[in-house]
PDB file of N, CA and C in Angstrom:
ATOM      1  N   ASP A   1       0.837  -1.199   0.000  1.00  0.00           N
ATOM      2  CA  ASP A   1       0.000   0.000   0.000  1.00  0.00           C
ATOM      3  C   ASP A   1       0.877   1.256   0.000  1.00  0.00           C
ATOM      4  N   GLY A   2       2.171   1.101  -0.221  1.00  0.00           N
ATOM      5  CA  GLY A   2       3.048   2.260  -0.279  1.00  0.00           C
ATOM      6  C   GLY A   2       3.252   2.924   1.065  1.00  0.00           C
ATOM      7  N   GLY A   3       2.932   2.216   2.146  1.00  0.00           N
ATOM      8  CA  GLY A   3       3.149   2.775   3.476  1.00  0.00           C
ATOM      9  C   GLY A   3       2.120   3.817   3.864  1.00  0.00           C
ATOM     10  N   GLN A   4       0.995   3.877   3.121  1.00  0.00           N
ATOM     11  CA  GLN A   4      -0.026   4.860   3.457  1.00  0.00           C
ATOM     12  C   GLN A   4      -1.027   4.287   4.440  1.00  0.00           C
ATOM     13  N   LYS A   5      -1.580   5.161   5.290  1.00  0.00           N
ATOM     14  CA  LYS A   5      -2.597   4.760   6.254  1.00  0.00           C
ATOM     15  C   LYS A   5      -3.819   5.642   6.061  1.00  0.00           C
ATOM     16  N   LEU A   6      -4.998   5.085   6.347  1.00  0.00           N
ATOM     17  CA  LEU A   6      -6.213   5.887   6.318  1.00  0.00           C
ATOM     18  C   LEU A   6      -6.469   6.363   7.738  1.00  0.00           C
ATOM     19  N   VAL A   7      -6.375   7.669   7.930  1.00  0.00           N
ATOM     20  CA  VAL A   7      -6.532   8.257   9.253  1.00  0.00           C
ATOM     21  C   VAL A   7      -7.908   8.879   9.357  1.00  0.00           C
ATOM     22  N   ARG A   8      -8.643   8.534  10.432  1.00  0.00           N
ATOM     23  CA  ARG A   8      -9.973   9.101  10.642  1.00  0.00           C
ATOM     24  C   ARG A   8      -9.971   9.919  11.921  1.00  0.00           C
ATOM     25  N   PHE A   9     -10.547  11.103  11.860  1.00  0.00           N
ATOM     26  CA  PHE A   9     -10.668  11.935  13.060  1.00  0.00           C
ATOM     27  C   PHE A   9     -11.800  12.921  12.866  1.00  0.00           C
ATOM     28  N   TYR A  10     -12.224  13.579  13.942  1.00  0.00           N
ATOM     29  CA  TYR A  10     -13.305  14.550  13.872  1.00  0.00           C
ATOM     30  C   TYR A  10     -12.755  15.961  13.990  1.00  0.00           C
ATOM     31  N   ASP A  11     -13.245  16.856  13.122  1.00  0.00           N
ATOM     32  CA  ASP A  11     -12.833  18.251  13.218  1.00  0.00           C
ATOM     33  C   ASP A  11     -13.650  18.935  14.317  1.00  0.00           C
ATOM     34  N   PRO A  12     -13.300  20.189  14.666  1.00  0.00           N
ATOM     35  CA  PRO A  12     -13.995  20.883  15.768  1.00  0.00           C
ATOM     36  C   PRO A  12     -15.503  20.994  15.552  1.00  0.00           C
ATOM     37  N   SER A  13     -15.962  20.897  14.313  1.00  0.00           N
ATOM     38  CA  SER A  13     -17.397  20.995  14.038  1.00  0.00           C
ATOM     39  C   SER A  13     -18.095  19.653  14.174  1.00  0.00           C
ATOM     40  N   GLY A  14     -17.321  18.586  14.429  1.00  0.00           N
ATOM     41  CA  GLY A  14     -17.899  17.265  14.605  1.00  0.00           C
ATOM     42  C   GLY A  14     -18.034  16.492  13.310  1.00  0.00           C
ATOM     43  N   ASN A  15     -17.364  16.961  12.254  1.00  0.00           N
ATOM     44  CA  ASN A  15     -17.405  16.255  10.978  1.00  0.00           C
ATOM     45  C   ASN A  15     -16.316  15.192  10.934  1.00  0.00           C
ATOM     46  N   LEU A  16     -16.669  14.024  10.376  1.00  0.00           N
ATOM     47  CA  LEU A  16     -15.680  12.954  10.267  1.00  0.00           C
ATOM     48  C   LEU A  16     -14.763  13.228   9.085  1.00  0.00           C
ATOM     49  N   ILE A  17     -13.473  13.249   9.349  1.00  0.00           N
ATOM     50  CA  ILE A  17     -12.480  13.496   8.312  1.00  0.00           C
ATOM     51  C   ILE A  17     -11.692  12.214   8.082  1.00  0.00           C
ATOM     52  N   GLU A  18     -11.520  11.847   6.805  1.00  0.00           N
ATOM     53  CA  GLU A  18     -10.711  10.676   6.473  1.00  0.00           C
ATOM     54  C   GLU A  18      -9.584  11.129   5.560  1.00  0.00           C
ATOM     55  N   VAL A  19      -8.357  10.854   5.972  1.00  0.00           N
ATOM     56  CA  VAL A  19      -7.194  11.323   5.216  1.00  0.00           C
ATOM     57  C   VAL A  19      -6.252  10.165   4.954  1.00  0.00           C
ATOM     58  N   ARG A  20      -5.838  10.018   3.688  1.00  0.00           N
ATOM     59  CA  ARG A  20      -4.794   9.039   3.369  1.00  0.00           C
ATOM     60  C   ARG A  20      -3.466   9.768   3.423  1.00  0.00           C
ATOM     61  N   THR A  21      -2.582   9.318   4.279  1.00  0.00           N
ATOM     62  CA  THR A  21      -1.321  10.018   4.479  1.00  0.00           C
ATOM     63  C   THR A  21      -0.174   9.036   4.602  1.00  0.00           C
ATOM     64  N   PRO A  22       0.984   9.382   4.048  1.00  0.00           N
ATOM     65  CA  PRO A  22       2.170   8.543   4.265  1.00  0.00           C
ATOM     66  C   PRO A  22       2.475   8.476   5.755  1.00  0.00           C
ATOM     67  N   TRP A  23       2.523   7.257   6.302  1.00  0.00           N
ATOM     68  CA  TRP A  23       2.610   7.097   7.758  1.00  0.00           C
ATOM     69  C   TRP A  23       3.888   7.711   8.319  1.00  0.00           C
ATOM     70  N   ASP A  24       4.995   7.670   7.535  1.00  0.00           N
ATOM     71  CA  ASP A  24       6.253   8.216   8.042  1.00  0.00           C
ATOM     72  C   ASP A  24       6.129   9.722   8.264  1.00  0.00           C
ATOM     73  N   LYS A  25       5.434  10.427   7.366  1.00  0.00           N
ATOM     74  CA  LYS A  25       5.235  11.868   7.556  1.00  0.00           C
ATOM     75  C   LYS A  25       4.363  12.123   8.776  1.00  0.00           C
ATOM     76  N   PHE A  26       3.326  11.297   8.934  1.00  0.00           N
ATOM     77  CA  PHE A  26       2.401  11.475  10.057  1.00  0.00           C
ATOM     78  C   PHE A  26       3.134  11.325  11.385  1.00  0.00           C
ATOM     79  N   VAL A  27       3.997  10.324  11.476  1.00  0.00           N
ATOM     80  CA  VAL A  27       4.730  10.064  12.716  1.00  0.00           C
ATOM     81  C   VAL A  27       5.744  11.172  12.984  1.00  0.00           C
ATOM     82  N   ASN A  28       6.341  11.716  11.931  1.00  0.00           N
ATOM     83  CA  ASN A  28       7.361  12.747  12.102  1.00  0.00           C
ATOM     84  C   ASN A  28       6.800  14.048  12.659  1.00  0.00           C
ATOM     85  N   ARG A  29       5.480  14.172  12.738  1.00  0.00           N
ATOM     86  CA  ARG A  29       4.879  15.393  13.260  1.00  0.00           C
ATOM     87  C   ARG A  29       4.985  15.480  14.774  1.00  0.00           C
ATOM     88  N   GLU A  30       5.427  14.419  15.431  1.00  0.00           N
ATOM     89  CA  GLU A  30       5.507  14.426  16.898  1.00  0.00           C
ATOM     90  C   GLU A  30       6.384  15.565  17.402  1.00  0.00           C
TER      91      GLU A  30
END
């Protein structure tokens, strides 16, 4: 899958957001 993950979270308005993101970039945000 090229190291991509489907990330789900809710924005401040309560809308469900689904984002496909390279997991290495996501982790590097720490």
